[in-house]
N, C-alpha and C. Protein backbone atom coordinates (compact mmCIF):
# COMPACT_ATOMS: atom_id res chain seq x y z
N MET A 1 0.83 -1.17 0.00
CA MET A 1 0.00 0.00 0.00
C MET A 1 0.88 1.24 0.00
N THR A 2 0.50 2.26 -0.79
CA THR A 2 1.29 3.48 -0.86
C THR A 2 0.73 4.50 0.10
N ALA A 3 1.62 5.33 0.59
CA ALA A 3 1.20 6.39 1.50
C ALA A 3 0.55 7.50 0.70
N SER A 4 -0.28 8.25 1.34
CA SER A 4 -0.96 9.37 0.71
C SER A 4 0.06 10.41 0.24
N GLY A 5 -0.05 10.83 -1.03
CA GLY A 5 0.85 11.85 -1.57
C GLY A 5 2.09 11.28 -2.22
N SER A 6 2.31 9.96 -2.18
CA SER A 6 3.49 9.39 -2.81
C SER A 6 3.09 8.71 -4.11
N GLY A 7 4.03 8.51 -5.00
CA GLY A 7 3.76 7.87 -6.28
C GLY A 7 3.22 8.86 -7.29
N PRO A 8 3.06 8.41 -8.54
CA PRO A 8 2.61 9.33 -9.59
C PRO A 8 1.17 9.78 -9.43
N ASP A 9 0.35 8.98 -8.73
CA ASP A 9 -1.06 9.32 -8.57
C ASP A 9 -1.30 10.24 -7.39
N GLY A 10 -0.33 10.32 -6.51
CA GLY A 10 -0.51 11.12 -5.32
C GLY A 10 -1.50 10.49 -4.37
N GLY A 11 -1.74 9.17 -4.46
CA GLY A 11 -2.67 8.49 -3.57
C GLY A 11 -4.11 8.83 -3.86
N LEU A 12 -4.46 9.14 -5.11
CA LEU A 12 -5.83 9.50 -5.47
C LEU A 12 -6.70 8.26 -5.57
N PRO A 13 -7.97 8.39 -5.22
CA PRO A 13 -8.89 7.27 -5.41
C PRO A 13 -9.10 6.99 -6.90
N GLU A 14 -9.58 5.81 -7.22
CA GLU A 14 -9.77 5.39 -8.61
C GLU A 14 -10.70 6.33 -9.37
N SER A 15 -11.75 6.84 -8.72
CA SER A 15 -12.68 7.73 -9.40
C SER A 15 -11.98 9.02 -9.84
N GLU A 16 -11.09 9.52 -9.02
CA GLU A 16 -10.35 10.74 -9.36
C GLU A 16 -9.35 10.46 -10.49
N LYS A 17 -8.71 9.29 -10.48
CA LYS A 17 -7.77 8.94 -11.54
C LYS A 17 -8.47 8.90 -12.89
N GLY A 18 -9.68 8.34 -12.90
CA GLY A 18 -10.45 8.28 -14.14
C GLY A 18 -10.83 9.68 -14.63
N ARG A 19 -11.22 10.53 -13.69
CA ARG A 19 -11.59 11.90 -14.06
C ARG A 19 -10.39 12.66 -14.62
N LEU A 20 -9.22 12.47 -14.00
CA LEU A 20 -8.01 13.14 -14.49
C LEU A 20 -7.61 12.63 -15.87
N ALA A 21 -7.74 11.32 -16.09
CA ALA A 21 -7.42 10.76 -17.40
C ALA A 21 -8.37 11.32 -18.46
N ASP A 22 -9.66 11.43 -18.11
CA ASP A 22 -10.64 11.99 -19.03
C ASP A 22 -10.33 13.46 -19.31
N LEU A 23 -9.94 14.19 -18.28
CA LEU A 23 -9.57 15.59 -18.46
C LEU A 23 -8.36 15.73 -19.38
N ASP A 24 -7.37 14.87 -19.19
CA ASP A 24 -6.19 14.90 -20.07
C ASP A 24 -6.57 14.64 -21.52
N ARG A 25 -7.45 13.68 -21.76
CA ARG A 25 -7.90 13.39 -23.13
C ARG A 25 -8.64 14.59 -23.72
N ARG A 26 -9.49 15.23 -22.93
CA ARG A 26 -10.25 16.39 -23.43
C ARG A 26 -9.32 17.57 -23.73
N ILE A 27 -8.32 17.78 -22.88
CA ILE A 27 -7.36 18.88 -23.13
C ILE A 27 -6.58 18.61 -24.42
N ALA A 28 -6.11 17.38 -24.60
CA ALA A 28 -5.36 17.04 -25.81
C ALA A 28 -6.24 17.21 -27.05
N GLY A 29 -7.51 16.82 -26.96
CA GLY A 29 -8.42 16.99 -28.09
C GLY A 29 -8.66 18.46 -28.40
N ALA A 30 -8.80 19.27 -27.37
CA ALA A 30 -9.01 20.70 -27.58
C ALA A 30 -7.78 21.34 -28.22
N LYS A 31 -6.58 20.92 -27.79
CA LYS A 31 -5.36 21.45 -28.39
C LYS A 31 -5.26 21.08 -29.86
N ARG A 32 -5.61 19.81 -30.19
CA ARG A 32 -5.58 19.39 -31.60
C ARG A 32 -6.58 20.18 -32.42
N ALA A 33 -7.79 20.37 -31.88
CA ALA A 33 -8.82 21.11 -32.61
C ALA A 33 -8.40 22.56 -32.82
N ARG A 34 -7.79 23.16 -31.82
CA ARG A 34 -7.33 24.54 -31.97
C ARG A 34 -6.21 24.64 -33.00
N ALA A 35 -5.31 23.67 -33.01
CA ALA A 35 -4.21 23.68 -33.97
C ALA A 35 -4.75 23.55 -35.39
N VAL A 36 -5.75 22.71 -35.59
CA VAL A 36 -6.34 22.55 -36.92
C VAL A 36 -7.07 23.83 -37.32
N LYS A 37 -7.81 24.41 -36.38
CA LYS A 37 -8.59 25.62 -36.69
C LYS A 37 -7.69 26.81 -37.03
N THR A 38 -6.57 26.95 -36.34
CA THR A 38 -5.68 28.08 -36.57
C THR A 38 -4.62 27.79 -37.63
N GLY A 39 -4.62 26.59 -38.17
CA GLY A 39 -3.65 26.25 -39.21
C GLY A 39 -2.29 25.89 -38.67
N GLU A 40 -2.21 25.56 -37.40
CA GLU A 40 -0.93 25.21 -36.79
C GLU A 40 -0.74 23.70 -36.70
N ALA A 41 -1.58 22.95 -37.40
CA ALA A 41 -1.46 21.50 -37.33
C ALA A 41 -0.14 21.06 -37.94
N GLU A 42 0.43 20.02 -37.39
CA GLU A 42 1.72 19.54 -37.89
C GLU A 42 1.52 18.90 -39.25
N ARG A 43 2.42 19.23 -40.16
CA ARG A 43 2.41 18.65 -41.50
C ARG A 43 3.71 17.88 -41.68
N PRO A 44 3.69 16.82 -42.46
CA PRO A 44 4.93 16.09 -42.69
C PRO A 44 5.98 16.98 -43.33
N GLY A 45 7.18 16.97 -42.81
CA GLY A 45 8.26 17.77 -43.35
C GLY A 45 8.25 19.22 -42.92
N ASP A 46 7.31 19.59 -42.09
CA ASP A 46 7.23 20.98 -41.62
C ASP A 46 8.24 21.19 -40.50
N THR A 47 9.10 22.19 -40.66
CA THR A 47 10.11 22.46 -39.65
C THR A 47 9.56 23.32 -38.52
N GLY A 48 8.38 23.88 -38.72
CA GLY A 48 7.80 24.72 -37.70
C GLY A 48 8.24 26.16 -37.79
N ASN A 49 9.12 26.48 -38.73
CA ASN A 49 9.60 27.84 -38.88
C ASN A 49 8.98 28.43 -40.14
N ALA A 50 8.08 29.37 -39.97
CA ALA A 50 7.37 29.94 -41.11
C ALA A 50 8.25 30.84 -41.96
N SER A 51 9.39 31.27 -41.45
CA SER A 51 10.21 32.21 -42.19
C SER A 51 11.26 31.53 -43.07
N ASP A 52 11.25 30.20 -43.18
CA ASP A 52 12.20 29.51 -44.04
C ASP A 52 12.06 29.96 -45.49
N MET A 53 10.84 30.08 -45.96
CA MET A 53 10.61 30.51 -47.34
C MET A 53 11.06 31.95 -47.53
N ALA A 54 10.86 32.79 -46.54
CA ALA A 54 11.29 34.18 -46.64
C ALA A 54 12.81 34.28 -46.73
N VAL A 55 13.50 33.45 -45.97
CA VAL A 55 14.97 33.45 -46.02
C VAL A 55 15.45 32.99 -47.39
N ALA A 56 14.82 31.96 -47.94
CA ALA A 56 15.20 31.46 -49.26
C ALA A 56 14.95 32.52 -50.34
N MET A 57 13.84 33.21 -50.25
CA MET A 57 13.55 34.27 -51.23
C MET A 57 14.54 35.41 -51.11
N ARG A 58 14.90 35.77 -49.88
CA ARG A 58 15.86 36.85 -49.68
C ARG A 58 17.22 36.49 -50.26
N MET A 59 17.66 35.27 -50.01
CA MET A 59 18.97 34.86 -50.52
C MET A 59 18.99 34.82 -52.04
N SER A 60 17.93 34.30 -52.65
CA SER A 60 17.90 34.23 -54.11
C SER A 60 17.82 35.62 -54.73
N SER A 61 17.07 36.51 -54.11
CA SER A 61 16.98 37.86 -54.67
C SER A 61 18.30 38.62 -54.51
N GLU A 62 19.01 38.41 -53.40
CA GLU A 62 20.32 39.03 -53.24
C GLU A 62 21.32 38.50 -54.26
N PHE A 63 21.23 37.21 -54.57
CA PHE A 63 22.12 36.60 -55.56
C PHE A 63 21.88 37.21 -56.94
N VAL A 64 20.62 37.27 -57.35
CA VAL A 64 20.29 37.84 -58.66
C VAL A 64 20.62 39.32 -58.70
N ALA A 65 20.37 40.04 -57.63
CA ALA A 65 20.67 41.48 -57.59
C ALA A 65 22.16 41.74 -57.74
N ALA A 66 22.99 40.92 -57.11
CA ALA A 66 24.45 41.10 -57.23
C ALA A 66 24.90 40.93 -58.67
N ILE A 67 24.34 39.94 -59.36
CA ILE A 67 24.70 39.72 -60.77
C ILE A 67 24.22 40.89 -61.62
N LEU A 68 23.01 41.36 -61.39
CA LEU A 68 22.48 42.48 -62.19
C LEU A 68 23.25 43.77 -61.93
N VAL A 69 23.63 44.02 -60.70
CA VAL A 69 24.41 45.23 -60.40
C VAL A 69 25.77 45.16 -61.07
N GLY A 70 26.41 44.01 -61.00
CA GLY A 70 27.70 43.85 -61.67
C GLY A 70 27.57 44.04 -63.18
N ALA A 71 26.54 43.46 -63.78
CA ALA A 71 26.33 43.62 -65.22
C ALA A 71 26.02 45.08 -65.56
N GLY A 72 25.25 45.74 -64.71
CA GLY A 72 24.92 47.15 -64.96
C GLY A 72 26.14 48.04 -64.90
N ILE A 73 27.01 47.80 -63.91
CA ILE A 73 28.23 48.59 -63.80
C ILE A 73 29.12 48.33 -65.01
N GLY A 74 29.26 47.05 -65.39
CA GLY A 74 30.08 46.72 -66.56
C GLY A 74 29.54 47.34 -67.84
N TRP A 75 28.24 47.28 -68.03
CA TRP A 75 27.64 47.87 -69.23
C TRP A 75 27.83 49.39 -69.24
N SER A 76 27.68 50.02 -68.07
CA SER A 76 27.86 51.47 -67.99
C SER A 76 29.30 51.88 -68.34
N ILE A 77 30.25 51.14 -67.81
CA ILE A 77 31.66 51.46 -68.13
C ILE A 77 31.92 51.24 -69.60
N ASP A 78 31.40 50.14 -70.15
CA ASP A 78 31.57 49.89 -71.59
C ASP A 78 30.93 51.01 -72.41
N TRP A 79 29.78 51.47 -72.01
CA TRP A 79 29.09 52.51 -72.75
C TRP A 79 29.85 53.84 -72.67
N LEU A 80 30.33 54.18 -71.46
CA LEU A 80 31.06 55.44 -71.29
C LEU A 80 32.41 55.40 -72.00
N ALA A 81 33.09 54.26 -71.94
CA ALA A 81 34.42 54.17 -72.52
C ALA A 81 34.38 53.80 -74.00
N GLY A 82 33.24 53.36 -74.49
CA GLY A 82 33.13 52.97 -75.88
C GLY A 82 33.84 51.67 -76.19
N THR A 83 34.04 50.85 -75.18
CA THR A 83 34.72 49.57 -75.38
C THR A 83 33.71 48.48 -75.70
N GLY A 84 34.22 47.33 -76.04
CA GLY A 84 33.36 46.18 -76.32
C GLY A 84 32.79 45.61 -75.03
N PRO A 85 32.24 44.44 -75.10
CA PRO A 85 31.59 43.87 -73.92
C PRO A 85 32.57 43.26 -72.91
N LEU A 86 33.85 43.59 -73.02
CA LEU A 86 34.85 43.01 -72.13
C LEU A 86 34.58 43.36 -70.66
N VAL A 87 34.36 44.63 -70.37
CA VAL A 87 34.13 45.06 -68.98
C VAL A 87 32.80 44.50 -68.47
N LEU A 88 31.80 44.42 -69.36
CA LEU A 88 30.51 43.83 -68.99
C LEU A 88 30.70 42.39 -68.53
N VAL A 89 31.47 41.61 -69.26
CA VAL A 89 31.70 40.21 -68.90
C VAL A 89 32.45 40.11 -67.57
N ILE A 90 33.47 40.96 -67.41
CA ILE A 90 34.26 40.93 -66.18
C ILE A 90 33.41 41.28 -64.96
N PHE A 91 32.64 42.35 -65.06
CA PHE A 91 31.82 42.78 -63.92
C PHE A 91 30.64 41.84 -63.66
N THR A 92 30.14 41.19 -64.70
CA THR A 92 29.09 40.19 -64.48
C THR A 92 29.67 39.02 -63.68
N GLY A 93 30.89 38.62 -64.01
CA GLY A 93 31.56 37.57 -63.24
C GLY A 93 31.81 38.00 -61.80
N LEU A 94 32.22 39.24 -61.61
CA LEU A 94 32.42 39.76 -60.25
C LEU A 94 31.09 39.80 -59.47
N GLY A 95 30.03 40.17 -60.15
CA GLY A 95 28.71 40.16 -59.51
C GLY A 95 28.29 38.75 -59.12
N PHE A 96 28.59 37.78 -59.98
CA PHE A 96 28.28 36.39 -59.65
C PHE A 96 29.06 35.95 -58.41
N ALA A 97 30.34 36.28 -58.37
CA ALA A 97 31.17 35.92 -57.22
C ALA A 97 30.66 36.59 -55.94
N ALA A 98 30.26 37.85 -56.05
CA ALA A 98 29.73 38.55 -54.88
C ALA A 98 28.41 37.92 -54.42
N GLY A 99 27.57 37.51 -55.36
CA GLY A 99 26.32 36.86 -55.01
C GLY A 99 26.54 35.54 -54.29
N VAL A 100 27.49 34.75 -54.79
CA VAL A 100 27.81 33.48 -54.13
C VAL A 100 28.33 33.73 -52.72
N LYS A 101 29.18 34.74 -52.58
CA LYS A 101 29.73 35.06 -51.26
C LYS A 101 28.61 35.48 -50.29
N ASN A 102 27.66 36.28 -50.76
CA ASN A 102 26.55 36.71 -49.91
C ASN A 102 25.70 35.53 -49.47
N VAL A 103 25.42 34.60 -50.38
CA VAL A 103 24.61 33.43 -50.04
C VAL A 103 25.35 32.56 -49.03
N LEU A 104 26.65 32.34 -49.24
CA LEU A 104 27.42 31.54 -48.30
C LEU A 104 27.48 32.19 -46.92
N ARG A 105 27.64 33.50 -46.88
CA ARG A 105 27.67 34.21 -45.61
C ARG A 105 26.33 34.07 -44.88
N ALA A 106 25.23 34.19 -45.62
CA ALA A 106 23.91 34.08 -44.99
C ALA A 106 23.65 32.68 -44.48
N THR A 107 24.06 31.67 -45.23
CA THR A 107 23.83 30.29 -44.76
C THR A 107 24.74 29.95 -43.58
N ASN A 108 25.92 30.52 -43.52
CA ASN A 108 26.78 30.30 -42.35
C ASN A 108 26.17 30.91 -41.10
N LYS A 109 25.56 32.09 -41.23
CA LYS A 109 24.90 32.72 -40.09
C LYS A 109 23.71 31.90 -39.63
N MET A 110 23.01 31.28 -40.58
CA MET A 110 21.84 30.46 -40.21
C MET A 110 22.27 29.20 -39.47
N GLY A 111 23.45 28.67 -39.80
CA GLY A 111 23.92 27.45 -39.17
C GLY A 111 24.37 27.65 -37.74
N LYS A 112 24.67 28.88 -37.36
CA LYS A 112 25.18 29.14 -36.01
C LYS A 112 24.09 29.38 -35.02
């Protein structure tokens, strides 16, 4: 026989144990219903972080922007200097390298 207050039940009578078990089931059901209603239900593969897509969009837009800025600077220099597309190609490559560096830097920050 267990003493009153000891063990996981705390020495509760059987009727109270049943009521507590029923209460636990009702609370769990209410939590599930609320999660479904608010759209917080667990989905397979869901990491639980809603901003993952925002981070991916930011990184891809920064990558494309770096390439476009490099190409724009190269084209402007070519236009001002009257040269061929040599500077355009060089600066587009530099923009690509800068974009890769930005993406790598952002992913390193996410890993920490």
